Full PDB file with SEQRES, HELIX, SHEET, SSBOND, CRYST1, ORIGX, SCALE, CONECT and MASTER records, all heavy atoms in Angstrom:
SEQRES   1 A   31  GLY LYS GLY THR ALA PHE ARG SER VAL GLY ILE GLY SER          
SEQRES   2 A   31  THR LEU PRO ARG SER LEU VAL GLY VAL ASN GLY ALA LEU          
SEQRES   3 A   31  SER LEU ASN SER VAL                                          
HELIX    1 AA1 ARG A   17  LEU A   19  5                                   3    
SHEET    1 AA1 2 VAL A   9  ILE A  11  0                                        
SHEET    2 AA1 2 LEU A  26  LEU A  28  1                                        
CRYST1    1.000    1.000    1.000  90.00  90.00  90.00 P 1           1          
ORIGX1      1.000000  0.000000  0.000000        0.00000                         
ORIGX2      0.000000  1.000000  0.000000        0.00000                         
ORIGX3      0.000000  0.000000  1.000000        0.00000                         
SCALE1      1.000000  0.000000  0.000000        0.00000                         
SCALE2      0.000000  1.000000  0.000000        0.00000                         
SCALE3      0.000000  0.000000  1.000000        0.00000                         
ATOM      1  N   GLY A   1      30.481  -7.857 -32.632  1.00  0.00           N  
ATOM      2  CA  GLY A   1      30.868  -7.737 -34.031  1.00  0.00           C  
ATOM      3  C   GLY A   1      31.100  -6.307 -34.441  1.00  0.00           C  
ATOM      4  O   GLY A   1      30.879  -5.361 -33.685  1.00  0.00           O  
ATOM      5  N   LYS A   2      31.559  -6.145 -35.678  1.00  0.00           N  
ATOM      6  CA  LYS A   2      31.868  -4.806 -36.180  1.00  0.00           C  
ATOM      7  C   LYS A   2      30.590  -4.002 -36.393  1.00  0.00           C  
ATOM      8  O   LYS A   2      29.496  -4.543 -36.463  1.00  0.00           O  
ATOM      9  CB  LYS A   2      32.645  -4.900 -37.488  1.00  0.00           C  
ATOM     10  CG  LYS A   2      34.062  -5.425 -37.328  1.00  0.00           C  
ATOM     11  CD  LYS A   2      34.818  -5.340 -38.636  1.00  0.00           C  
ATOM     12  CE  LYS A   2      36.273  -5.780 -38.450  1.00  0.00           C  
ATOM     13  NZ  LYS A   2      37.033  -5.673 -39.722  1.00  0.00           N  
ATOM     14  N   GLY A   3      30.770  -2.692 -36.499  1.00  0.00           N  
ATOM     15  CA  GLY A   3      29.622  -1.828 -36.719  1.00  0.00           C  
ATOM     16  C   GLY A   3      30.059  -0.433 -37.091  1.00  0.00           C  
ATOM     17  O   GLY A   3      31.208  -0.198 -37.438  1.00  0.00           O  
ATOM     18  N   THR A   4      29.139   0.487 -37.013  1.00  0.00           N  
ATOM     19  CA  THR A   4      29.447   1.870 -37.334  1.00  0.00           C  
ATOM     20  C   THR A   4      30.231   2.510 -36.196  1.00  0.00           C  
ATOM     21  O   THR A   4      30.383   1.936 -35.120  1.00  0.00           O  
ATOM     22  CB  THR A   4      28.159   2.681 -37.558  1.00  0.00           C  
ATOM     23  OG1 THR A   4      27.501   2.850 -36.293  1.00  0.00           O  
ATOM     24  CG2 THR A   4      27.219   1.972 -38.525  1.00  0.00           C  
ATOM     25  N   ALA A   5      30.702   3.726 -36.425  1.00  0.00           N  
ATOM     26  CA  ALA A   5      31.449   4.439 -35.382  1.00  0.00           C  
ATOM     27  C   ALA A   5      30.570   4.761 -34.176  1.00  0.00           C  
ATOM     28  O   ALA A   5      31.073   5.095 -33.112  1.00  0.00           O  
ATOM     29  CB  ALA A   5      32.037   5.733 -35.956  1.00  0.00           C  
ATOM     30  N   PHE A   6      29.251   4.653 -34.331  1.00  0.00           N  
ATOM     31  CA  PHE A   6      28.328   4.924 -33.225  1.00  0.00           C  
ATOM     32  C   PHE A   6      27.994   3.669 -32.428  1.00  0.00           C  
ATOM     33  O   PHE A   6      27.111   3.700 -31.590  1.00  0.00           O  
ATOM     34  CB  PHE A   6      27.024   5.523 -33.763  1.00  0.00           C  
ATOM     35  CG  PHE A   6      27.149   6.954 -34.216  1.00  0.00           C  
ATOM     36  CD1 PHE A   6      27.174   7.269 -35.558  1.00  0.00           C  
ATOM     37  CD2 PHE A   6      27.248   7.980 -33.296  1.00  0.00           C  
ATOM     38  CE1 PHE A   6      27.289   8.576 -35.983  1.00  0.00           C  
ATOM     39  CE2 PHE A   6      27.363   9.301 -33.706  1.00  0.00           C  
ATOM     40  CZ  PHE A   6      27.383   9.601 -35.062  1.00  0.00           C  
ATOM     41  N   ARG A   7      28.699   2.562 -32.682  1.00  0.00           N  
ATOM     42  CA  ARG A   7      28.329   1.324 -31.978  1.00  0.00           C  
ATOM     43  C   ARG A   7      28.531   1.454 -30.470  1.00  0.00           C  
ATOM     44  O   ARG A   7      27.868   0.770 -29.696  1.00  0.00           O  
ATOM     45  CB  ARG A   7      29.112   0.133 -32.518  1.00  0.00           C  
ATOM     46  CG  ARG A   7      30.625   0.203 -32.326  1.00  0.00           C  
ATOM     47  CD  ARG A   7      31.282  -0.986 -33.014  1.00  0.00           C  
ATOM     48  NE  ARG A   7      32.742  -0.906 -32.977  1.00  0.00           N  
ATOM     49  CZ  ARG A   7      33.472  -0.247 -33.856  1.00  0.00           C  
ATOM     50  NH1 ARG A   7      32.872   0.400 -34.845  1.00  0.00           N  
ATOM     51  NH2 ARG A   7      34.786  -0.235 -33.773  1.00  0.00           N  
ATOM     52  N   SER A   8      29.456   2.314 -30.021  1.00  0.00           N  
ATOM     53  CA  SER A   8      29.593   2.579 -28.587  1.00  0.00           C  
ATOM     54  C   SER A   8      29.728   4.079 -28.374  1.00  0.00           C  
ATOM     55  O   SER A   8      30.621   4.713 -28.943  1.00  0.00           O  
ATOM     56  CB  SER A   8      30.784   1.827 -27.996  1.00  0.00           C  
ATOM     57  OG  SER A   8      31.960   2.042 -28.727  1.00  0.00           O  
ATOM     58  N   VAL A   9      28.835   4.625 -27.548  1.00  0.00           N  
ATOM     59  CA  VAL A   9      28.729   6.076 -27.383  1.00  0.00           C  
ATOM     60  C   VAL A   9      28.598   6.420 -25.904  1.00  0.00           C  
ATOM     61  O   VAL A   9      27.799   5.810 -25.183  1.00  0.00           O  
ATOM     62  CB  VAL A   9      27.492   6.635 -28.129  1.00  0.00           C  
ATOM     63  CG1 VAL A   9      27.374   8.140 -27.896  1.00  0.00           C  
ATOM     64  CG2 VAL A   9      27.570   6.335 -29.613  1.00  0.00           C  
ATOM     65  N   GLY A  10      29.377   7.378 -25.458  1.00  0.00           N  
ATOM     66  CA  GLY A  10      29.234   7.929 -24.118  1.00  0.00           C  
ATOM     67  C   GLY A  10      28.667   9.331 -24.206  1.00  0.00           C  
ATOM     68  O   GLY A  10      29.240  10.182 -24.891  1.00  0.00           O  
ATOM     69  N   ILE A  11      27.532   9.571 -23.564  1.00  0.00           N  
ATOM     70  CA  ILE A  11      26.947  10.913 -23.576  1.00  0.00           C  
ATOM     71  C   ILE A  11      27.571  11.706 -22.441  1.00  0.00           C  
ATOM     72  O   ILE A  11      27.390  11.391 -21.262  1.00  0.00           O  
ATOM     73  CB  ILE A  11      25.420  10.864 -23.426  1.00  0.00           C  
ATOM     74  CG1 ILE A  11      24.797   9.993 -24.520  1.00  0.00           C  
ATOM     75  CG2 ILE A  11      24.850  12.279 -23.476  1.00  0.00           C  
ATOM     76  CD1 ILE A  11      25.047  10.487 -25.921  1.00  0.00           C  
ATOM     77  N   GLY A  12      28.339  12.713 -22.788  1.00  0.00           N  
ATOM     78  CA  GLY A  12      29.040  13.526 -21.801  1.00  0.00           C  
ATOM     79  C   GLY A  12      30.321  14.075 -22.384  1.00  0.00           C  
ATOM     80  O   GLY A  12      30.727  13.726 -23.501  1.00  0.00           O  
ATOM     81  N   SER A  13      30.986  14.933 -21.633  1.00  0.00           N  
ATOM     82  CA  SER A  13      32.185  15.607 -22.132  1.00  0.00           C  
ATOM     83  C   SER A  13      33.422  14.725 -22.068  1.00  0.00           C  
ATOM     84  O   SER A  13      34.408  14.989 -22.752  1.00  0.00           O  
ATOM     85  CB  SER A  13      32.428  16.902 -21.349  1.00  0.00           C  
ATOM     86  OG  SER A  13      32.515  16.630 -19.956  1.00  0.00           O  
ATOM     87  N   THR A  14      33.404  13.679 -21.228  1.00  0.00           N  
ATOM     88  CA  THR A  14      34.546  12.772 -21.137  1.00  0.00           C  
ATOM     89  C   THR A  14      34.063  11.332 -21.291  1.00  0.00           C  
ATOM     90  O   THR A  14      32.945  10.988 -20.905  1.00  0.00           O  
ATOM     91  CB  THR A  14      35.275  12.899 -19.786  1.00  0.00           C  
ATOM     92  OG1 THR A  14      34.355  12.627 -18.720  1.00  0.00           O  
ATOM     93  CG2 THR A  14      35.861  14.295 -19.623  1.00  0.00           C  
ATOM     94  N   LEU A  15      34.926  10.494 -21.839  1.00  0.00           N  
ATOM     95  CA  LEU A  15      34.582   9.098 -22.056  1.00  0.00           C  
ATOM     96  C   LEU A  15      34.633   8.346 -20.727  1.00  0.00           C  
ATOM     97  O   LEU A  15      35.643   8.380 -20.028  1.00  0.00           O  
ATOM     98  CB  LEU A  15      35.564   8.469 -23.045  1.00  0.00           C  
ATOM     99  CG  LEU A  15      35.169   7.113 -23.632  1.00  0.00           C  
ATOM    100  CD1 LEU A  15      33.968   7.277 -24.554  1.00  0.00           C  
ATOM    101  CD2 LEU A  15      36.345   6.513 -24.401  1.00  0.00           C  
ATOM    102  N   PRO A  16      33.565   7.651 -20.335  1.00  0.00           N  
ATOM    103  CA  PRO A  16      33.586   6.898 -19.074  1.00  0.00           C  
ATOM    104  C   PRO A  16      34.534   5.706 -19.158  1.00  0.00           C  
ATOM    105  O   PRO A  16      34.821   5.198 -20.243  1.00  0.00           O  
ATOM    106  CB  PRO A  16      32.129   6.445 -18.914  1.00  0.00           C  
ATOM    107  CG  PRO A  16      31.604   6.388 -20.304  1.00  0.00           C  
ATOM    108  CD  PRO A  16      32.288   7.509 -21.036  1.00  0.00           C  
ATOM    109  N   ARG A  17      34.989   5.249 -18.008  1.00  0.00           N  
ATOM    110  CA  ARG A  17      35.945   4.144 -17.964  1.00  0.00           C  
ATOM    111  C   ARG A  17      35.366   2.872 -18.585  1.00  0.00           C  
ATOM    112  O   ARG A  17      36.103   2.047 -19.114  1.00  0.00           O  
ATOM    113  CB  ARG A  17      36.346   3.871 -16.523  1.00  0.00           C  
ATOM    114  CG  ARG A  17      37.148   4.973 -15.879  1.00  0.00           C  
ATOM    115  CD  ARG A  17      38.620   4.866 -16.229  1.00  0.00           C  
ATOM    116  NE  ARG A  17      39.327   3.959 -15.333  1.00  0.00           N  
ATOM    117  CZ  ARG A  17      40.574   3.570 -15.506  1.00  0.00           C  
ATOM    118  NH1 ARG A  17      41.236   3.992 -16.576  1.00  0.00           N  
ATOM    119  NH2 ARG A  17      41.169   2.762 -14.637  1.00  0.00           N  
ATOM    120  N   SER A  18      34.074   2.694 -18.540  1.00  0.00           N  
ATOM    121  CA  SER A  18      33.461   1.476 -19.069  1.00  0.00           C  
ATOM    122  C   SER A  18      33.629   1.353 -20.575  1.00  0.00           C  
ATOM    123  O   SER A  18      33.545   0.249 -21.124  1.00  0.00           O  
ATOM    124  CB  SER A  18      31.976   1.424 -18.718  1.00  0.00           C  
ATOM    125  OG  SER A  18      31.301   2.553 -19.241  1.00  0.00           O  
ATOM    126  N   LEU A  19      33.881   2.466 -21.283  1.00  0.00           N  
ATOM    127  CA  LEU A  19      34.027   2.445 -22.739  1.00  0.00           C  
ATOM    128  C   LEU A  19      35.476   2.580 -23.194  1.00  0.00           C  
ATOM    129  O   LEU A  19      35.744   2.557 -24.397  1.00  0.00           O  
ATOM    130  CB  LEU A  19      33.197   3.569 -23.369  1.00  0.00           C  
ATOM    131  CG  LEU A  19      31.673   3.380 -23.330  1.00  0.00           C  
ATOM    132  CD1 LEU A  19      30.965   4.609 -23.894  1.00  0.00           C  
ATOM    133  CD2 LEU A  19      31.247   2.142 -24.094  1.00  0.00           C  
ATOM    134  N   VAL A  20      36.399   2.721 -22.260  1.00  0.00           N  
ATOM    135  CA  VAL A  20      37.813   2.855 -22.622  1.00  0.00           C  
ATOM    136  C   VAL A  20      38.344   1.511 -23.118  1.00  0.00           C  
ATOM    137  O   VAL A  20      38.090   0.470 -22.505  1.00  0.00           O  
ATOM    138  CB  VAL A  20      38.644   3.333 -21.413  1.00  0.00           C  
ATOM    139  CG1 VAL A  20      40.131   3.268 -21.714  1.00  0.00           C  
ATOM    140  CG2 VAL A  20      38.235   4.751 -21.037  1.00  0.00           C  
ATOM    141  N   GLY A  21      39.060   1.524 -24.225  1.00  0.00           N  
ATOM    142  CA  GLY A  21      39.592   0.265 -24.744  1.00  0.00           C  
ATOM    143  C   GLY A  21      40.051   0.380 -26.176  1.00  0.00           C  
ATOM    144  O   GLY A  21      40.662   1.378 -26.563  1.00  0.00           O  
ATOM    145  N   VAL A  22      39.705  -0.618 -26.977  1.00  0.00           N  
ATOM    146  CA  VAL A  22      40.259  -0.734 -28.332  1.00  0.00           C  
ATOM    147  C   VAL A  22      39.235  -0.496 -29.425  1.00  0.00           C  
ATOM    148  O   VAL A  22      39.580  -0.512 -30.609  1.00  0.00           O  
ATOM    149  CB  VAL A  22      40.887  -2.135 -28.523  1.00  0.00           C  
ATOM    150  CG1 VAL A  22      41.992  -2.372 -27.513  1.00  0.00           C  
ATOM    151  CG2 VAL A  22      39.830  -3.246 -28.436  1.00  0.00           C  
ATOM    152  N   ASN A  23      37.973  -0.260 -29.057  1.00  0.00           N  
ATOM    153  CA  ASN A  23      36.926  -0.208 -30.082  1.00  0.00           C  
ATOM    154  C   ASN A  23      36.491   1.200 -30.484  1.00  0.00           C  
ATOM    155  O   ASN A  23      35.476   1.365 -31.158  1.00  0.00           O  
ATOM    156  CB  ASN A  23      35.712  -1.015 -29.621  1.00  0.00           C  
ATOM    157  CG  ASN A  23      35.970  -2.505 -29.710  1.00  0.00           C  
ATOM    158  OD1 ASN A  23      36.207  -3.040 -30.797  1.00  0.00           O  
ATOM    159  ND2 ASN A  23      35.956  -3.194 -28.571  1.00  0.00           N  
ATOM    160  N   GLY A  24      37.216   2.197 -30.056  1.00  0.00           N  
ATOM    161  CA  GLY A  24      36.979   3.549 -30.579  1.00  0.00           C  
ATOM    162  C   GLY A  24      35.624   4.140 -30.257  1.00  0.00           C  
ATOM    163  O   GLY A  24      34.899   4.563 -31.164  1.00  0.00           O  
ATOM    164  N   ALA A  25      35.249   4.191 -28.979  1.00  0.00           N  
ATOM    165  CA  ALA A  25      33.970   4.781 -28.589  1.00  0.00           C  
ATOM    166  C   ALA A  25      33.974   6.290 -28.798  1.00  0.00           C  
ATOM    167  O   ALA A  25      35.018   6.944 -28.741  1.00  0.00           O  
ATOM    168  CB  ALA A  25      33.669   4.461 -27.129  1.00  0.00           C  
ATOM    169  N   LEU A  26      32.792   6.840 -29.035  1.00  0.00           N  
ATOM    170  CA  LEU A  26      32.624   8.281 -29.183  1.00  0.00           C  
ATOM    171  C   LEU A  26      32.122   8.876 -27.882  1.00  0.00           C  
ATOM    172  O   LEU A  26      31.322   8.268 -27.174  1.00  0.00           O  
ATOM    173  CB  LEU A  26      31.614   8.589 -30.285  1.00  0.00           C  
ATOM    174  CG  LEU A  26      31.998   8.244 -31.726  1.00  0.00           C  
ATOM    175  CD1 LEU A  26      30.811   8.497 -32.656  1.00  0.00           C  
ATOM    176  CD2 LEU A  26      33.197   9.064 -32.174  1.00  0.00           C  
ATOM    177  N   SER A  27      32.583  10.071 -27.556  1.00  0.00           N  
ATOM    178  CA  SER A  27      32.098  10.813 -26.415  1.00  0.00           C  
ATOM    179  C   SER A  27      31.563  12.148 -26.904  1.00  0.00           C  
ATOM    180  O   SER A  27      32.286  12.900 -27.564  1.00  0.00           O  
ATOM    181  CB  SER A  27      33.227  11.030 -25.397  1.00  0.00           C  
ATOM    182  OG  SER A  27      32.769  11.798 -24.304  1.00  0.00           O  
ATOM    183  N   LEU A  28      30.307  12.449 -26.615  1.00  0.00           N  
ATOM    184  CA  LEU A  28      29.722  13.698 -27.110  1.00  0.00           C  
ATOM    185  C   LEU A  28      28.622  14.173 -26.177  1.00  0.00           C  
ATOM    186  O   LEU A  28      27.938  13.375 -25.534  1.00  0.00           O  
ATOM    187  CB  LEU A  28      29.185  13.518 -28.529  1.00  0.00           C  
ATOM    188  CG  LEU A  28      28.256  12.326 -28.806  1.00  0.00           C  
ATOM    189  CD1 LEU A  28      26.803  12.720 -28.605  1.00  0.00           C  
ATOM    190  CD2 LEU A  28      28.443  11.835 -30.233  1.00  0.00           C  
ATOM    191  N   ASN A  29      28.480  15.485 -26.095  1.00  0.00           N  
ATOM    192  CA  ASN A  29      27.403  16.074 -25.300  1.00  0.00           C  
ATOM    193  C   ASN A  29      26.110  16.139 -26.088  1.00  0.00           C  
ATOM    194  O   ASN A  29      25.029  16.050 -25.531  1.00  0.00           O  
ATOM    195  CB  ASN A  29      27.796  17.483 -24.839  1.00  0.00           C  
ATOM    196  CG  ASN A  29      28.786  17.468 -23.688  1.00  0.00           C  
ATOM    197  OD1 ASN A  29      28.572  16.788 -22.695  1.00  0.00           O  
ATOM    198  ND2 ASN A  29      29.871  18.207 -23.824  1.00  0.00           N  
ATOM    199  N   SER A  30      26.238  16.333 -27.394  1.00  0.00           N  
ATOM    200  CA  SER A  30      25.060  16.364 -28.258  1.00  0.00           C  
ATOM    201  C   SER A  30      25.463  15.922 -29.653  1.00  0.00           C  
ATOM    202  O   SER A  30      26.643  15.967 -30.025  1.00  0.00           O  
ATOM    203  CB  SER A  30      24.460  17.778 -28.315  1.00  0.00           C  
ATOM    204  OG  SER A  30      25.306  18.654 -29.025  1.00  0.00           O  
ATOM    205  N   VAL A  31      24.496  15.473 -30.416  1.00  0.00           N  
ATOM    206  CA  VAL A  31      24.761  15.006 -31.776  1.00  0.00           C  
ATOM    207  C   VAL A  31      25.375  16.127 -32.610  1.00  0.00           C  
ATOM    208  O   VAL A  31      26.289  15.901 -33.410  1.00  0.00           O  
ATOM    209  CB  VAL A  31      23.458  14.501 -32.424  1.00  0.00           C  
ATOM    210  CG1 VAL A  31      23.697  14.113 -33.876  1.00  0.00           C  
ATOM    211  CG2 VAL A  31      22.908  13.319 -31.637  1.00  0.00           C  
TER     212      VAL A  31                                                      
MASTER        0    0    0    1    2    0    0    6  211    1    0    3          
END                                                                             
């Protein structure tokens, strides 16, 4: 279901392939 922009997060400088798609995952090294 829908959620905040933090519903899918990759910790690191690049977004991992597992999060690539249509739901707008965030990629970040730190908050």
